């Protein structure tokens, strides 16, 4: 054989105009096989994308503000009506497996306690108390206007975290709604295409299957 392997050729350069080739949108590009339903589905997807991009931030802000005002009013009501009172343990609280650990100091166990309600009557309830307390120990608990043991009023951090949670859910709901509408539109258009194909085939098939 004469000669060796051909030399590697340089990659083709840009078009003569010097501009990179344009990459048209998949469904919006010119194509003789493109059906009107394909173009319609492309426009529906584009409109829905723009709508979601505009509506999701708005829903996030509106939901955050509404939830923040709601929880702020709820926290103010709790601070006005809830009160701290002294309760007495009816039973010993469980001991932590590591009594001297940092987790033991933060651990809380639900134990039955006895306390006096706003009406002056003695009642029993369950409250979260530190580990390792013997029966008869006194603990501070929060009670609502009806005398039920509850947690402390909401803090600012809890208000912000709950509000942000609702804001994120609202934004995700907008995205899910956009995806659902797009999926429904695609399903309807797909059924329309299948119906059109069946109708065209019913006219074309006899010419292909007739034997002479």
Protein backbone atom coordinates (compact mmCIF):
# COMPACT_ATOMS: atom_id res chain seq x y z
CA UNK A 1 0.00 0.00 0.00
CA UNK A 2 1.30 3.43 -0.85
CA UNK A 3 1.27 5.99 1.87
CA UNK A 4 0.12 5.71 5.43
CA UNK A 5 -2.95 6.86 7.26
CA UNK A 6 -4.49 10.10 5.96
CA UNK A 7 -3.76 13.14 7.97
CA UNK A 8 -6.41 14.37 10.33
CA UNK A 9 -8.43 17.11 8.81
CA UNK A 10 -9.23 20.27 10.78
CA UNK A 11 -12.81 20.69 11.89
CA UNK A 12 -15.04 22.60 9.51
CA UNK A 13 -15.04 26.32 10.13
CA UNK A 14 -18.01 28.57 10.65
CA UNK A 15 -20.36 29.39 7.80
CA UNK A 16 -19.14 31.90 5.23
CA UNK A 17 -21.06 34.65 6.98
CA UNK A 18 -18.96 34.14 10.10
CA UNK A 19 -22.04 33.59 12.29
CA UNK A 20 -22.69 30.30 14.11
CA UNK A 21 -25.63 28.29 12.80
CA UNK A 22 -28.92 29.04 14.50
CA UNK A 23 -30.57 26.25 16.48
CA UNK A 24 -34.33 26.68 16.07
CA UNK A 25 -36.81 25.52 18.65
CA UNK A 26 -37.69 21.87 18.21
CA UNK A 27 -41.40 22.18 17.63
CA UNK A 28 -41.36 25.71 16.22
CA UNK A 29 -38.83 25.04 13.48
CA UNK A 30 -39.89 24.66 9.87
CA UNK A 31 -40.54 21.06 9.03
CA UNK A 32 -42.73 19.59 6.27
CA UNK A 33 -43.82 16.88 8.72
CA UNK A 34 -44.86 19.38 11.37
CA UNK A 35 -48.58 19.16 12.01
CA UNK A 36 -50.78 22.02 13.23
CA UNK A 37 -51.25 20.15 16.50
CA UNK A 38 -47.47 20.03 16.99
CA UNK A 39 -47.27 23.78 16.55
CA UNK A 40 -50.22 24.27 18.88
CA UNK A 41 -48.63 22.09 21.55
CA UNK A 42 -45.39 24.07 21.25
CA UNK A 43 -47.18 27.37 21.76
CA UNK A 44 -49.16 25.97 24.68
CA UNK A 45 -45.93 24.80 26.33
CA UNK A 46 -44.25 28.15 25.75
CA UNK A 47 -47.20 30.13 27.13
CA UNK A 48 -47.47 27.86 30.15
CA UNK A 49 -43.74 28.15 30.82
CA UNK A 50 -43.89 31.94 30.77
CA UNK A 51 -47.04 31.90 32.93
CA UNK A 52 -45.42 29.63 35.53
CA UNK A 53 -42.25 31.73 35.59
CA UNK A 54 -44.37 34.81 36.28
CA UNK A 55 -46.92 33.26 38.64
CA UNK A 56 -44.64 31.13 40.83
CA UNK A 57 -42.71 34.06 42.39
CA UNK A 58 -45.95 35.99 42.87
CA UNK A 59 -47.59 33.01 44.56
CA UNK A 60 -44.52 32.56 46.77
CA UNK A 61 -44.60 36.19 47.95
CA UNK A 62 -48.37 36.33 48.45
CA UNK A 63 -48.49 33.02 50.32
CA UNK A 64 -45.56 34.02 52.54
CA UNK A 65 -47.16 37.37 53.45
CA UNK A 66 -50.56 35.80 54.15
CA UNK A 67 -49.09 33.00 56.26
CA UNK A 68 -46.79 35.39 58.12
CA UNK A 69 -49.68 37.67 59.08
CA UNK A 70 -51.76 34.66 60.14
CA UNK A 71 -49.08 33.13 62.36
CA UNK A 72 -48.12 36.54 63.74
CA UNK A 73 -51.71 37.12 64.90
CA UNK A 74 -51.82 33.58 66.28
CA UNK A 75 -48.59 34.14 68.22
CA UNK A 76 -49.90 37.41 69.65
CA UNK A 77 -53.08 35.64 70.77
CA UNK A 78 -51.05 32.88 72.40
CA UNK A 79 -48.91 35.38 74.27
CA UNK A 80 -52.03 37.14 75.59
CA UNK A 81 -54.03 34.08 76.60
CA UNK A 82 -51.56 31.30 77.37
CA UNK A 83 -49.90 31.30 80.75
CA UNK A 84 -47.25 29.39 82.61
CA UNK A 85 -48.24 27.39 85.64
CA UNK A 86 -46.67 24.86 87.97
CA UNK A 87 -47.45 21.18 87.60
CA UNK A 88 -46.43 18.20 89.71
CA UNK A 89 -45.25 14.91 88.21
CA UNK A 90 -47.53 11.97 88.98
CA UNK A 91 -44.93 9.40 87.85
CA UNK A 92 -41.17 9.38 87.42
CA UNK A 93 -39.96 10.57 84.05
CA UNK A 94 -37.85 8.03 82.13
CA UNK A 95 -34.10 8.19 82.50
CA UNK A 96 -31.94 8.84 79.47
CA UNK A 97 -29.56 6.11 78.38
CA UNK A 98 -26.70 8.61 78.71
CA UNK A 99 -27.60 10.74 81.74
CA UNK A 100 -24.57 13.03 81.51
CA UNK A 101 -24.68 13.59 77.75
CA UNK A 102 -25.69 16.73 75.95
CA UNK A 103 -28.65 14.91 74.41
CA UNK A 104 -29.97 14.02 77.88
CA UNK A 105 -30.24 17.71 78.79
CA UNK A 106 -32.31 18.43 75.69
CA UNK A 107 -34.44 15.26 75.81
CA UNK A 108 -38.08 15.57 76.85
CA UNK A 109 -40.51 12.78 77.78
CA UNK A 110 -44.28 12.80 77.94
CA UNK A 111 -45.29 12.21 81.56
CA UNK A 112 -48.56 12.56 83.43
CA UNK A 113 -48.69 15.67 85.61
CA UNK A 114 -51.19 17.24 88.01
CA UNK A 115 -52.04 20.94 87.91
CA UNK A 116 -54.69 23.46 88.87
CA UNK A 117 -56.66 24.95 86.00
CA UNK A 118 -57.96 28.51 85.59
CA UNK A 119 -61.26 27.40 87.15
CA UNK A 120 -59.48 26.31 90.33
CA UNK A 121 -60.07 22.62 89.75
CA UNK A 122 -57.26 20.08 89.89
CA UNK A 123 -56.77 18.05 86.74
CA UNK A 124 -54.24 15.69 85.22
CA UNK A 125 -52.65 15.94 81.81
CA UNK A 126 -49.54 14.89 79.95
CA UNK A 127 -46.62 17.24 79.53
CA UNK A 128 -43.11 17.01 78.06
CA UNK A 129 -40.64 17.15 80.96
CA UNK A 130 -36.87 16.62 81.32
CA UNK A 131 -35.51 13.12 81.82
CA UNK A 132 -34.84 11.58 85.22
CA UNK A 133 -37.26 13.61 87.36
CA UNK A 134 -38.87 11.72 90.27
CA UNK A 135 -42.59 11.76 91.02
CA UNK A 136 -43.62 14.85 92.97
CA UNK A 137 -41.18 17.15 91.17
CA UNK A 138 -42.49 20.53 90.10
CA UNK A 139 -42.21 21.64 86.48
CA UNK A 140 -43.34 24.72 84.58
CA UNK A 141 -45.90 24.09 81.84
CA UNK A 142 -47.92 26.27 79.47
CA UNK A 143 -51.71 26.11 79.50
CA UNK A 144 -54.34 27.58 77.18
CA UNK A 145 -57.47 29.45 78.38
CA UNK A 146 -59.28 26.11 78.85
CA UNK A 147 -56.53 24.76 81.10
CA UNK A 148 -55.15 22.31 78.57
CA UNK A 149 -51.40 21.78 78.64
CA UNK A 150 -49.79 23.06 75.48
CA UNK A 151 -46.42 24.16 74.20
CA UNK A 152 -45.01 27.67 74.53
CA UNK A 153 -46.20 30.44 72.17
CA UNK A 154 -44.68 30.45 68.73
CA UNK A 155 -41.34 32.17 68.40
CA UNK A 156 -40.25 34.48 65.56
CA UNK A 157 -38.16 31.70 64.05
CA UNK A 158 -41.16 29.35 64.02
CA UNK A 159 -43.31 32.03 62.38
CA UNK A 160 -40.74 32.60 59.65
CA UNK A 161 -40.14 28.90 59.01
CA UNK A 162 -43.85 28.07 58.79
CA UNK A 163 -44.49 31.03 56.51
CA UNK A 164 -41.65 30.00 54.22
CA UNK A 165 -43.01 26.46 54.14
CA UNK A 166 -46.39 27.68 52.88
CA UNK A 167 -44.67 29.96 50.36
CA UNK A 168 -42.69 27.05 48.91
CA UNK A 169 -45.82 24.91 48.74
CA UNK A 170 -47.65 27.68 46.87
CA UNK A 171 -44.84 28.00 44.31
CA UNK A 172 -44.73 24.22 43.84
CA UNK A 173 -48.51 24.17 43.42
CA UNK A 174 -48.24 26.69 40.57
CA UNK A 175 -45.56 24.56 38.89
CA UNK A 176 -47.65 21.42 39.35
CA UNK A 177 -50.72 23.14 37.91
CA UNK A 178 -48.75 24.25 34.86
CA UNK A 179 -47.39 20.74 34.34
CA UNK A 180 -50.88 19.26 34.72
CA UNK A 181 -52.37 21.65 32.16
CA UNK A 182 -49.56 20.89 29.72
CA UNK A 183 -50.02 17.16 30.21
CA UNK A 184 -53.78 17.45 29.68
CA UNK A 185 -53.29 19.51 26.52
CA UNK A 186 -50.76 16.99 25.21
CA UNK A 187 -53.18 14.14 25.91
CA UNK A 188 -56.02 15.86 24.08
CA UNK A 189 -53.83 16.68 21.09
CA UNK A 190 -52.43 13.15 21.01
CA UNK A 191 -55.95 11.71 20.88
CA UNK A 192 -56.81 14.15 18.14
CA UNK A 193 -53.77 13.03 16.15
CA UNK A 194 -54.69 9.37 16.59
CA UNK A 195 -58.22 10.10 15.41
CA UNK A 196 -56.88 11.94 12.36
CA UNK A 197 -54.46 9.11 11.59
CA UNK A 198 -57.27 6.56 11.82
CA UNK A 199 -59.44 8.63 9.50
CA UNK A 200 -56.64 9.04 6.94
CA UNK A 201 -55.79 5.36 7.10
CA UNK A 202 -59.41 4.39 6.52
CA UNK A 203 -59.22 6.27 3.21
CA UNK A 204 -55.72 5.06 2.26
CA UNK A 205 -55.84 1.41 3.33
CA UNK A 206 -58.33 0.24 0.65
CA UNK A 207 -55.99 1.41 -2.11
CA UNK A 208 -53.08 -0.53 -0.62
CA UNK A 209 -54.93 -3.72 0.22
CA UNK A 210 -56.91 -4.17 -3.03
CA UNK A 211 -55.67 -7.10 -5.12
CA UNK A 212 -56.15 -7.18 -8.83
